[in-house]
Amino acid sequence: MRLVFAGTPEVAVPALDTLLSSARHEVAAVVTRPDARAGRGRKLAPSPVAERAAEEGIEVLKPAKPGDAEFLARLREIAPDCCPVVAYGALLPKRALEVPRHGWVNLHFSLLPAWRGAAPVQHALLAGDEVTGASTFRIGEGLDDGPVYGVVTEEVRRTDTSGDLLTRLALAGAGLLGATMDGIADGTLEPKPQPAEGVSLAPKLTVEDARIDWSAPALRIDRVVRGCSPAPGAWTLFRGERLKVRALAPDAEAAPLPSGELRVGKHSVHVGTGSQPVALEWVQPQGKKPMAAADWARGLRLADGARLGE
């Protein structure tokens, strides 16, 4: 089939590579978000998908909005049979959806109808899901509610961050998307409507969602830290400034501590929660690089009784 691939971040690149390597399909063009400012210099830079397409000499389309007349005209000229999508980052209007005869097929990182929305992996971790996965479905005008072509499952590991889990799902999902394109081309794969039961939503996480409540149980705090890593980054207040908590671990053997209170050892830092204490492993003070929690405490000469969250 003749394809136009839509995607933007690094997590979409494995799927693009899978389609580029297929002898059965031609990636005629790539659609991605416009260049964005990045890095310390805040210079405009192309998306990872745009960079990968440029390496292959593939046409790159960067519409400000996918409903722009100029973009739609060019899409019709290219005349794709299907438009596979991975984390493109913009809503597709009906006029765009109608161009390819096999529609736009999205690779979504959840087992639909669970976790429809922008942050499915983060919400799966926050909810404590033991198994998640990826789904391919035909995009309609609703939120991730189109009929599903196929799924792959992935076990959630005890120490997974959203970044860890998303990396694995991107690789497994790339194979699923390739197989979905093959099935559509063969006429052997028909999408099935999503069940009405089991729907859950996964809106984009805000900075406030990532704030740690030390009165919550240790298990909940652990999920917040892992689910919000690498972005938006779990955080707390310390002496009136934000302190990001990059990693921690519940410690069932630690002596009890009041919520938010620190116990500082030579090589360890514990903080009290609503249940058992947790051991801080990596933190990032405002304006500084991540560091081991013990080094952070030693540098500030912290003593028992110091508090987080205020």
C-alpha atoms as a PDB file:
ATOM      1  CA  MET A   1       0.000   0.000   0.000  1.00  0.00           C
ATOM      2  CA  ARG A   2       0.947   3.618  -0.479  1.00  0.00           C
ATOM      3  CA  LEU A   3       1.245   5.170   2.988  1.00  0.00           C
ATOM      4  CA  VAL A   4       1.526   8.599   4.570  1.00  0.00           C
ATOM      5  CA  PHE A   5       2.875   8.178   8.105  1.00  0.00           C
ATOM      6  CA  ALA A   6       1.875  10.659  10.822  1.00  0.00           C
ATOM      7  CA  GLY A   7       3.911  10.950  14.021  1.00  0.00           C
ATOM      8  CA  THR A   8       6.073  13.339  16.005  1.00  0.00           C
ATOM      9  CA  PRO A   9       8.135  12.145  19.026  1.00  0.00           C
ATOM     10  CA  GLU A  10      10.913   9.587  19.360  1.00  0.00           C
ATOM     11  CA  VAL A  11       8.415   6.922  20.423  1.00  0.00           C
ATOM     12  CA  ALA A  12       6.946   6.987  16.885  1.00  0.00           C
ATOM     13  CA  VAL A  13      10.258   6.280  15.146  1.00  0.00           C
ATOM     14  CA  PRO A  14      10.282   2.457  15.630  1.00  0.00           C
ATOM     15  CA  ALA A  15       6.927   2.211  13.846  1.00  0.00           C
ATOM     16  CA  LEU A  16       8.172   4.407  11.007  1.00  0.00           C
ATOM     17  CA  ASP A  17      11.278   2.233  10.692  1.00  0.00           C
ATOM     18  CA  THR A  18       9.138  -0.914  10.532  1.00  0.00           C
ATOM     19  CA  LEU A  19       7.087   0.492   7.666  1.00  0.00           C
ATOM     20  CA  LEU A  20      10.171   1.792   5.855  1.00  0.00           C
ATOM     21  CA  SER A  21      11.710  -1.680   5.967  1.00  0.00           C
ATOM     22  CA  SER A  22       8.586  -3.380   4.589  1.00  0.00           C
ATOM     23  CA  ALA A  23       8.764  -4.576   0.995  1.00  0.00           C
ATOM     24  CA  ARG A  24       4.981  -4.493   0.811  1.00  0.00           C
ATOM     25  CA  HIS A  25       4.402  -0.812   1.533  1.00  0.00           C
ATOM     26  CA  GLU A  26       5.696   2.540   0.308  1.00  0.00           C
ATOM     27  CA  VAL A  27       5.972   5.432   2.753  1.00  0.00           C
ATOM     28  CA  ALA A  28       5.321   8.265   0.312  1.00  0.00           C
ATOM     29  CA  ALA A  29       5.430  11.088   2.883  1.00  0.00           C
ATOM     30  CA  VAL A  30       5.468  11.860   6.584  1.00  0.00           C
ATOM     31  CA  VAL A  31       3.196  14.243   8.497  1.00  0.00           C
ATOM     32  CA  THR A  32       4.554  15.703  11.732  1.00  0.00           C
ATOM     33  CA  ARG A  33       4.131  18.679  14.007  1.00  0.00           C
ATOM     34  CA  PRO A  34       5.893  21.942  13.091  1.00  0.00           C
ATOM     35  CA  ASP A  35       9.435  22.523  14.351  1.00  0.00           C
ATOM     36  CA  ALA A  36       9.507  23.387  18.051  1.00  0.00           C
ATOM     37  CA  ARG A  37      11.986  25.127  20.312  1.00  0.00           C
ATOM     38  CA  ALA A  38      14.191  22.760  22.283  1.00  0.00           C
ATOM     39  CA  GLY A  39      17.403  22.651  24.305  1.00  0.00           C
ATOM     40  CA  ARG A  40      19.099  25.360  26.322  1.00  0.00           C
ATOM     41  CA  GLY A  41      19.327  27.673  23.334  1.00  0.00           C
ATOM     42  CA  ARG A  42      15.603  27.245  22.626  1.00  0.00           C
ATOM     43  CA  LYS A  43      16.339  26.964  18.933  1.00  0.00           C
ATOM     44  CA  LEU A  44      13.752  25.627  16.497  1.00  0.00           C
ATOM     45  CA  ALA A  45      14.344  21.938  15.846  1.00  0.00           C
ATOM     46  CA  PRO A  46      12.513  19.333  13.740  1.00  0.00           C
ATOM     47  CA  SER A  47      10.717  16.462  15.414  1.00  0.00           C
ATOM     48  CA  PRO A  48      12.437  13.053  15.695  1.00  0.00           C
ATOM     49  CA  VAL A  49      10.064  11.709  13.027  1.00  0.00           C
ATOM     50  CA  ALA A  50      10.920  14.598  10.687  1.00  0.00           C
ATOM     51  CA  GLU A  51      14.635  13.945  11.187  1.00  0.00           C
ATOM     52  CA  ARG A  52      14.241  10.231  10.457  1.00  0.00           C
ATOM     53  CA  ALA A  53      12.200  10.921   7.312  1.00  0.00           C
ATOM     54  CA  ALA A  54      14.769  13.438   6.106  1.00  0.00           C
ATOM     55  CA  GLU A  55      17.494  10.800   6.451  1.00  0.00           C
ATOM     56  CA  GLU A  56      15.526   8.637   4.025  1.00  0.00           C
ATOM     57  CA  GLY A  57      14.783  11.494   1.627  1.00  0.00           C
ATOM     58  CA  ILE A  58      11.054  11.296   2.268  1.00  0.00           C
ATOM     59  CA  GLU A  59       8.792  14.310   1.865  1.00  0.00           C
ATOM     60  CA  VAL A  60       7.906  15.872   5.237  1.00  0.00           C
ATOM     61  CA  LEU A  61       4.660  17.789   5.733  1.00  0.00           C
ATOM     62  CA  LYS A  62       4.403  20.081   8.774  1.00  0.00           C
ATOM     63  CA  PRO A  63       0.964  21.716   8.736  1.00  0.00           C
ATOM     64  CA  ALA A  64       0.150  24.140  11.538  1.00  0.00           C
ATOM     65  CA  LYS A  65      -3.226  22.386  11.568  1.00  0.00           C
ATOM     66  CA  PRO A  66      -4.121  19.187   9.688  1.00  0.00           C
ATOM     67  CA  GLY A  67      -7.227  20.934   8.417  1.00  0.00           C
ATOM     68  CA  ASP A  68      -5.218  23.539   6.479  1.00  0.00           C
ATOM     69  CA  ALA A  69      -6.323  23.710   2.849  1.00  0.00           C
ATOM     70  CA  GLU A  70      -2.775  23.559   1.475  1.00  0.00           C
ATOM     71  CA  PHE A  71      -2.002  20.404   3.466  1.00  0.00           C
ATOM     72  CA  LEU A  72      -5.243  18.692   2.443  1.00  0.00           C
ATOM     73  CA  ALA A  73      -4.599  19.491  -1.204  1.00  0.00           C
ATOM     74  CA  ARG A  74      -1.113  17.962  -1.008  1.00  0.00           C
ATOM     75  CA  LEU A  75      -2.461  14.897   0.815  1.00  0.00           C
ATOM     76  CA  ARG A  76      -4.973  14.342  -1.989  1.00  0.00           C
ATOM     77  CA  GLU A  77      -2.192  14.679  -4.560  1.00  0.00           C
ATOM     78  CA  ILE A  78      -0.134  12.000  -2.799  1.00  0.00           C
ATOM     79  CA  ALA A  79      -3.278   9.794  -2.726  1.00  0.00           C
ATOM     80  CA  PRO A  80      -2.336   7.419   0.099  1.00  0.00           C
ATOM     81  CA  ASP A  81      -4.175   4.133   0.519  1.00  0.00           C
ATOM     82  CA  CYS A  82      -3.820   4.417   4.308  1.00  0.00           C
ATOM     83  CA  CYS A  83      -2.326   6.778   6.886  1.00  0.00           C
ATOM     84  CA  PRO A  84      -0.770   5.016   9.902  1.00  0.00           C
ATOM     85  CA  VAL A  85      -0.475   7.263  12.972  1.00  0.00           C
ATOM     86  CA  VAL A  86       1.695   7.114  16.108  1.00  0.00           C
ATOM     87  CA  ALA A  87       1.604   9.988  18.610  1.00  0.00           C
ATOM     88  CA  TYR A  88       1.060  12.662  15.971  1.00  0.00           C
ATOM     89  CA  GLY A  89      -0.223  15.194  18.510  1.00  0.00           C
ATOM     90  CA  ALA A  90      -3.090  16.935  16.696  1.00  0.00           C
ATOM     91  CA  LEU A  91      -6.767  16.193  16.087  1.00  0.00           C
ATOM     92  CA  LEU A  92      -7.587  15.125  12.541  1.00  0.00           C
ATOM     93  CA  PRO A  93     -10.633  16.759  10.937  1.00  0.00           C
ATOM     94  CA  LYS A  94     -13.186  14.806   8.926  1.00  0.00           C
ATOM     95  CA  ARG A  95     -11.841  16.242   5.663  1.00  0.00           C
ATOM     96  CA  ALA A  96      -8.456  14.668   6.354  1.00  0.00           C
ATOM     97  CA  LEU A  97      -9.927  11.375   7.564  1.00  0.00           C
ATOM     98  CA  GLU A  98     -11.802  10.962   4.289  1.00  0.00           C
ATOM     99  CA  VAL A  99      -8.730  11.182   2.014  1.00  0.00           C
ATOM    100  CA  PRO A 100      -7.180   7.669   2.266  1.00  0.00           C
ATOM    101  CA  ARG A 101      -9.522   4.837   1.211  1.00  0.00           C
ATOM    102  CA  HIS A 102      -8.485   2.735   4.208  1.00  0.00           C
ATOM    103  CA  GLY A 103      -8.590   5.686   6.591  1.00  0.00           C
ATOM    104  CA  TRP A 104      -6.119   6.658   9.298  1.00  0.00           C
ATOM    105  CA  VAL A 105      -4.997   3.802  11.561  1.00  0.00           C
ATOM    106  CA  ASN A 106      -3.663   4.759  14.974  1.00  0.00           C
ATOM    107  CA  LEU A 107      -1.229   2.841  17.173  1.00  0.00           C
ATOM    108  CA  HIS A 108      -2.397   3.629  20.716  1.00  0.00           C
ATOM    109  CA  PHE A 109      -0.471   2.550  23.798  1.00  0.00           C
ATOM    110  CA  SER A 110      -3.225   0.873  25.804  1.00  0.00           C
ATOM    111  CA  LEU A 111      -5.616  -2.058  25.586  1.00  0.00           C
ATOM    112  CA  LEU A 112      -8.643  -0.179  24.296  1.00  0.00           C
ATOM    113  CA  PRO A 113     -11.208   0.762  25.505  1.00  0.00           C
ATOM    114  CA  ALA A 114      -9.007   1.288  28.580  1.00  0.00           C
ATOM    115  CA  TRP A 115      -7.097   4.555  28.839  1.00  0.00           C
ATOM    116  CA  ARG A 116      -8.382   6.558  25.899  1.00  0.00           C
ATOM    117  CA  GLY A 117      -6.534   9.859  25.691  1.00  0.00           C
ATOM    118  CA  ALA A 118      -3.142  11.527  25.588  1.00  0.00           C
ATOM    119  CA  ALA A 119      -1.385   9.758  28.499  1.00  0.00           C
ATOM    120  CA  PRO A 120      -2.373   6.064  28.534  1.00  0.00           C
ATOM    121  CA  VAL A 121       0.944   4.709  29.811  1.00  0.00           C
ATOM    122  CA  GLN A 122       1.183   7.197  32.673  1.00  0.00           C
ATOM    123  CA  HIS A 123      -2.376   6.448  33.797  1.00  0.00           C
ATOM    124  CA  ALA A 124      -1.819   2.693  33.603  1.00  0.00           C
ATOM    125  CA  LEU A 125       1.058   3.075  36.074  1.00  0.00           C
ATOM    126  CA  LEU A 126      -0.854   5.466  38.319  1.00  0.00           C
ATOM    127  CA  ALA A 127      -3.704   2.955  38.479  1.00  0.00           C
ATOM    128  CA  GLY A 128      -1.379   0.066  39.287  1.00  0.00           C
ATOM    129  CA  ASP A 129      -2.258  -1.975  36.196  1.00  0.00           C
ATOM    130  CA  GLU A 130      -0.347  -5.257  36.057  1.00  0.00           C
ATOM    131  CA  VAL A 131      -0.824  -5.697  32.304  1.00  0.00           C
ATOM    132  CA  THR A 132      -1.165  -3.111  29.562  1.00  0.00           C
ATOM    133  CA  GLY A 133      -0.429  -3.116  25.841  1.00  0.00           C
ATOM    134  CA  ALA A 134      -0.985  -1.419  22.501  1.00  0.00           C
ATOM    135  CA  SER A 135      -3.880  -1.364  20.052  1.00  0.00           C
ATOM    136  CA  THR A 136      -4.335  -0.429  16.411  1.00  0.00           C
ATOM    137  CA  PHE A 137      -7.674   1.123  15.507  1.00  0.00           C
ATOM    138  CA  ARG A 138      -9.293   3.129  12.739  1.00  0.00           C
ATOM    139  CA  ILE A 139      -9.576   6.766  13.718  1.00  0.00           C
ATOM    140  CA  GLY A 140     -13.036   8.343  13.756  1.00  0.00           C
ATOM    141  CA  GLU A 141     -14.292  11.644  15.056  1.00  0.00           C
ATOM    142  CA  GLY A 142     -14.474  10.472  18.695  1.00  0.00           C
ATOM    143  CA  LEU A 143     -11.673  10.131  21.261  1.00  0.00           C
ATOM    144  CA  ASP A 144      -9.840   6.854  20.580  1.00  0.00           C
ATOM    145  CA  ASP A 145     -13.184   5.058  20.176  1.00  0.00           C
ATOM    146  CA  GLY A 146     -12.770   3.619  16.672  1.00  0.00           C
ATOM    147  CA  PRO A 147     -12.933  -0.086  15.788  1.00  0.00           C
ATOM    148  CA  VAL A 148      -9.847  -2.111  16.727  1.00  0.00           C
ATOM    149  CA  TYR A 149      -7.697  -4.145  14.317  1.00  0.00           C
ATOM    150  CA  GLY A 150      -5.386  -5.837  16.803  1.00  0.00           C
ATOM    151  CA  VAL A 151      -3.626  -5.708  20.169  1.00  0.00           C
ATOM    152  CA  VAL A 152      -0.398  -6.773  21.850  1.00  0.00           C
ATOM    153  CA  THR A 153      -0.007  -7.109  25.620  1.00  0.00           C
ATOM    154  CA  GLU A 154       2.872  -6.117  27.867  1.00  0.00           C
ATOM    155  CA  GLU A 155       3.485  -6.947  31.531  1.00  0.00           C
ATOM    156  CA  VAL A 156       4.078  -3.971  33.799  1.00  0.00           C
ATOM    157  CA  ARG A 157       7.247  -4.565  35.789  1.00  0.00           C
ATOM    158  CA  ARG A 158       7.637  -3.602  39.431  1.00  0.00           C
ATOM    159  CA  THR A 159      10.119  -0.780  38.805  1.00  0.00           C
ATOM    160  CA  ASP A 160       8.804   0.460  35.445  1.00  0.00           C
ATOM    161  CA  THR A 161       8.620   4.185  34.840  1.00  0.00           C
ATOM    162  CA  SER A 162       6.340   5.490  32.116  1.00  0.00           C
ATOM    163  CA  GLY A 163       9.461   6.019  30.011  1.00  0.00           C
ATOM    164  CA  ASP A 164      10.565   2.390  30.456  1.00  0.00           C
ATOM    165  CA  LEU A 165       7.150   1.005  29.618  1.00  0.00           C
ATOM    166  CA  LEU A 166       6.601   3.306  26.660  1.00  0.00           C
ATOM    167  CA  THR A 167       9.939   2.275  25.150  1.00  0.00           C
ATOM    168  CA  ARG A 168       8.910  -1.395  25.204  1.00  0.00           C
ATOM    169  CA  LEU A 169       5.428  -0.645  23.890  1.00  0.00           C
ATOM    170  CA  ALA A 170       6.855   1.416  21.035  1.00  0.00           C
ATOM    171  CA  LEU A 171       8.871  -1.596  19.862  1.00  0.00           C
ATOM    172  CA  ALA A 172       6.072  -4.135  20.296  1.00  0.00           C
ATOM    173  CA  GLY A 173       3.561  -1.716  18.809  1.00  0.00           C
ATOM    174  CA  ALA A 174       5.730  -1.156  15.737  1.00  0.00           C
ATOM    175  CA  GLY A 175       5.369  -4.836  14.864  1.00  0.00           C
ATOM    176  CA  LEU A 176       1.631  -4.673  15.487  1.00  0.00           C
ATOM    177  CA  LEU A 177       1.245  -1.658  13.204  1.00  0.00           C
ATOM    178  CA  GLY A 178       3.218  -3.382  10.457  1.00  0.00           C
ATOM    179  CA  ALA A 179       1.065  -6.505  10.749  1.00  0.00           C
ATOM    180  CA  THR A 180      -2.060  -4.339  10.690  1.00  0.00           C
ATOM    181  CA  MET A 181      -0.963  -2.679   7.452  1.00  0.00           C
ATOM    182  CA  ASP A 182      -0.310  -6.125   5.943  1.00  0.00           C
ATOM    183  CA  GLY A 183      -3.745  -7.373   6.967  1.00  0.00           C
ATOM    184  CA  ILE A 184      -5.495  -4.328   5.559  1.00  0.00           C
ATOM    185  CA  ALA A 185      -3.599  -4.694   2.278  1.00  0.00           C
ATOM    186  CA  ASP A 186      -4.516  -8.391   2.056  1.00  0.00           C
ATOM    187  CA  GLY A 187      -8.152  -7.741   2.890  1.00  0.00           C
ATOM    188  CA  THR A 188      -7.873 -10.325   5.684  1.00  0.00           C
ATOM    189  CA  LEU A 189      -8.217  -7.929   8.624  1.00  0.00           C
ATOM    190  CA  GLU A 190     -11.440  -6.204   9.626  1.00  0.00           C
ATOM    191  CA  PRO A 191     -11.667  -3.924  12.667  1.00  0.00           C
ATOM    192  CA  LYS A 192     -14.053  -4.834  15.467  1.00  0.00           C
ATOM    193  CA  PRO A 193     -16.048  -2.270  17.493  1.00  0.00           C
ATOM    194  CA  GLN A 194     -14.742  -1.568  20.971  1.00  0.00           C
ATOM    195  CA  PRO A 195     -16.871  -2.939  23.828  1.00  0.00           C
ATOM    196  CA  ALA A 196     -19.024  -0.447  25.680  1.00  0.00           C
ATOM    197  CA  GLU A 197     -17.726  -1.700  29.031  1.00  0.00           C
ATOM    198  CA  GLY A 198     -14.303  -0.975  30.473  1.00  0.00           C
ATOM    199  CA  VAL A 199     -13.879   2.546  29.116  1.00  0.00           C
ATOM    200  CA  SER A 200     -11.413   4.718  31.049  1.00  0.00           C
ATOM    201  CA  LEU A 201      -9.851   8.060  30.198  1.00  0.00           C
ATOM    202  CA  ALA A 202      -6.214   9.163  30.265  1.00  0.00           C
ATOM    203  CA  PRO A 203      -5.951  12.960  29.944  1.00  0.00           C
ATOM    204  CA  LYS A 204      -2.554  14.620  29.770  1.00  0.00           C
ATOM    205  CA  LEU A 205      -0.951  14.904  33.211  1.00  0.00           C
ATOM    206  CA  THR A 206      -0.502  18.369  34.643  1.00  0.00           C
ATOM    207  CA  VAL A 207       2.290  19.592  36.899  1.00  0.00           C
ATOM    208  CA  GLU A 208      -0.171  19.562  39.802  1.00  0.00           C
ATOM    209  CA  ASP A 209      -1.000  15.893  39.091  1.00  0.00           C
ATOM    210  CA  ALA A 210       2.698  15.171  39.691  1.00  0.00           C
ATOM    211  CA  ARG A 211       2.826  16.790  43.132  1.00  0.00           C
ATOM    212  CA  ILE A 212       3.539  14.237  45.862  1.00  0.00           C
ATOM    213  CA  ASP A 213       1.134  14.002  48.803  1.00  0.00           C
ATOM    214  CA  TRP A 214       3.244  12.542  51.598  1.00  0.00           C
ATOM    215  CA  SER A 215       0.133  11.647  53.592  1.00  0.00           C
ATOM    216  CA  ALA A 216      -0.798   9.137  50.874  1.00  0.00           C
ATOM    217  CA  PRO A 217       0.239   5.469  51.241  1.00  0.00           C
ATOM    218  CA  ALA A 218       3.752   4.575  50.086  1.00  0.00           C
ATOM    219  CA  LEU A 219       2.364   2.448  47.247  1.00  0.00           C
ATOM    220  CA  ARG A 220       0.453   5.415  45.835  1.00  0.00           C
ATOM    221  CA  ILE A 221       3.485   7.719  46.082  1.00  0.00           C
ATOM    222  CA  ASP A 222       5.648   5.112  44.330  1.00  0.00           C
ATOM    223  CA  ARG A 223       3.128   4.975  41.462  1.00  0.00           C
ATOM    224  CA  VAL A 224       3.096   8.762  41.135  1.00  0.00           C
ATOM    225  CA  VAL A 225       6.896   8.926  40.934  1.00  0.00           C
ATOM    226  CA  ARG A 226       7.130   6.137  38.353  1.00  0.00           C
ATOM    227  CA  GLY A 227       4.088   7.238  36.358  1.00  0.00           C
ATOM    228  CA  CYS A 228       5.312  10.834  36.099  1.00  0.00           C
ATOM    229  CA  SER A 229       8.842   9.879  35.023  1.00  0.00           C
ATOM    230  CA  PRO A 230      10.298  11.310  32.869  1.00  0.00           C
ATOM    231  CA  ALA A 231       7.491  13.855  32.405  1.00  0.00           C
ATOM    232  CA  PRO A 232       6.074  15.924  33.950  1.00  0.00           C
ATOM    233  CA  GLY A 233       8.286  14.728  36.845  1.00  0.00           C
ATOM    234  CA  ALA A 234       7.063  14.049  40.394  1.00  0.00           C
ATOM    235  CA  TRP A 235       7.879  16.864  42.797  1.00  0.00           C
ATOM    236  CA  THR A 236       7.504  18.189  46.310  1.00  0.00           C
ATOM    237  CA  LEU A 237       8.360  21.371  48.142  1.00  0.00           C
ATOM    238  CA  PHE A 238      11.457  21.706  50.294  1.00  0.00           C
ATOM    239  CA  ARG A 239      12.090  24.983  52.068  1.00  0.00           C
ATOM    240  CA  GLY A 240       9.690  26.684  49.685  1.00  0.00           C
ATOM    241  CA  GLU A 241      11.330  25.458  46.458  1.00  0.00           C
ATOM    242  CA  ARG A 242      10.406  22.610  44.176  1.00  0.00           C
ATOM    243  CA  LEU A 243      12.377  19.408  44.567  1.00  0.00           C
ATOM    244  CA  LYS A 244      11.846  16.762  41.901  1.00  0.00           C
ATOM    245  CA  VAL A 245      11.819  13.184  43.131  1.00  0.00           C
ATOM    246  CA  ARG A 246      13.322  11.041  40.385  1.00  0.00           C
ATOM    247  CA  ALA A 247      13.273   7.671  42.146  1.00  0.00           C
ATOM    248  CA  LEU A 248      12.303   6.180  45.485  1.00  0.00           C
ATOM    249  CA  ALA A 249      11.539   2.759  46.935  1.00  0.00           C
ATOM    250  CA  PRO A 250       9.126   1.639  49.679  1.00  0.00           C
ATOM    251  CA  ASP A 251      11.017   0.189  52.648  1.00  0.00           C
ATOM    252  CA  ALA A 252       8.929  -2.168  54.783  1.00  0.00           C
ATOM    253  CA  GLU A 253      11.748  -2.600  57.301  1.00  0.00           C
ATOM    254  CA  ALA A 254      12.238   1.112  58.041  1.00  0.00           C
ATOM    255  CA  ALA A 255      11.087   2.446  61.408  1.00  0.00           C
ATOM    256  CA  PRO A 256       7.898   4.555  61.243  1.00  0.00           C
ATOM    257  CA  LEU A 257       8.098   8.281  60.423  1.00  0.00           C
ATOM    258  CA  PRO A 258       5.484  11.055  60.372  1.00  0.00           C
ATOM    259  CA  SER A 259       4.303  11.951  56.874  1.00  0.00           C
ATOM    260  CA  GLY A 260       6.851  14.142  55.066  1.00  0.00           C
ATOM    261  CA  GLU A 261       9.487  13.919  57.802  1.00  0.00           C
ATOM    262  CA  LEU A 262      13.066  12.947  56.865  1.00  0.00           C
ATOM    263  CA  ARG A 263      15.418  10.521  58.535  1.00  0.00           C
ATOM    264  CA  VAL A 264      18.971  11.084  57.304  1.00  0.00           C
ATOM    265  CA  GLY A 265      21.593   8.342  57.464  1.00  0.00           C
ATOM    266  CA  LYS A 266      25.158   8.267  56.221  1.00  0.00           C
ATOM    267  CA  HIS A 267      24.157   6.585  52.967  1.00  0.00           C
ATOM    268  CA  SER A 268      20.369   6.821  52.991  1.00  0.00           C
ATOM    269  CA  VAL A 269      17.454   9.242  53.259  1.00  0.00           C
ATOM    270  CA  HIS A 270      13.990   8.068  54.312  1.00  0.00           C
ATOM    271  CA  VAL A 271      10.766  10.059  54.297  1.00  0.00           C
ATOM    272  CA  GLY A 272       7.524   9.278  56.081  1.00  0.00           C
ATOM    273  CA  THR A 273       4.283   8.581  54.214  1.00  0.00           C
ATOM    274  CA  GLY A 274       0.726   7.664  55.154  1.00  0.00           C
ATOM    275  CA  SER A 275       1.903   4.066  55.561  1.00  0.00           C
ATOM    276  CA  GLN A 276       5.510   2.810  55.588  1.00  0.00           C
ATOM    277  CA  PRO A 277       8.493   5.118  54.950  1.00  0.00           C
ATOM    278  CA  VAL A 278      10.121   5.264  51.543  1.00  0.00           C
ATOM    279  CA  ALA A 279      13.803   5.542  50.712  1.00  0.00           C
ATOM    280  CA  LEU A 280      14.636   8.505  48.507  1.00  0.00           C
ATOM    281  CA  GLU A 281      17.055   7.429  45.780  1.00  0.00           C
ATOM    282  CA  TRP A 282      17.387  10.281  43.261  1.00  0.00           C
ATOM    283  CA  VAL A 283      16.275  13.899  43.578  1.00  0.00           C
ATOM    284  CA  GLN A 284      16.712  17.057  41.525  1.00  0.00           C
ATOM    285  CA  PRO A 285      16.832  20.419  43.285  1.00  0.00           C
ATOM    286  CA  GLN A 286      15.459  23.404  41.405  1.00  0.00           C
ATOM    287  CA  GLY A 287      17.922  24.581  38.746  1.00  0.00           C
ATOM    288  CA  LYS A 288      20.316  21.645  39.268  1.00  0.00           C
ATOM    289  CA  LYS A 289      21.014  18.213  37.806  1.00  0.00           C
ATOM    290  CA  PRO A 290      19.653  14.977  39.314  1.00  0.00           C
ATOM    291  CA  MET A 291      21.736  13.635  42.203  1.00  0.00           C
ATOM    292  CA  ALA A 292      21.705  10.802  44.699  1.00  0.00           C
ATOM    293  CA  ALA A 293      19.459  11.673  47.626  1.00  0.00           C
ATOM    294  CA  ALA A 294      22.245  10.942  50.135  1.00  0.00           C
ATOM    295  CA  ASP A 295      24.536  13.412  48.351  1.00  0.00           C
ATOM    296  CA  TRP A 296      21.773  16.019  48.329  1.00  0.00           C
ATOM    297  CA  ALA A 297      21.194  15.605  52.064  1.00  0.00           C
ATOM    298  CA  ARG A 298      24.920  15.648  52.829  1.00  0.00           C
ATOM    299  CA  GLY A 299      25.453  18.816  50.808  1.00  0.00           C
ATOM    300  CA  LEU A 300      22.731  20.629  52.758  1.00  0.00           C
ATOM    301  CA  ARG A 301      23.832  19.068  56.085  1.00  0.00           C
ATOM    302  CA  LEU A 302      20.292  17.878  56.686  1.00  0.00           C
ATOM    303  CA  ALA A 303      19.413  16.297  60.009  1.00  0.00           C
ATOM    304  CA  ASP A 304      16.533  14.128  61.177  1.00  0.00           C
ATOM    305  CA  GLY A 305      13.298  16.045  61.447  1.00  0.00           C
ATOM    306  CA  ALA A 306      13.600  18.116  58.252  1.00  0.00           C
ATOM    307  CA  ARG A 307      10.380  17.994  56.260  1.00  0.00           C
ATOM    308  CA  LEU A 308       9.281  17.689  52.653  1.00  0.00           C
ATOM    309  CA  GLY A 309       6.098  19.158  51.279  1.00  0.00           C
ATOM    310  CA  GLU A 310       6.306  22.640  52.799  1.00  0.00           C
END
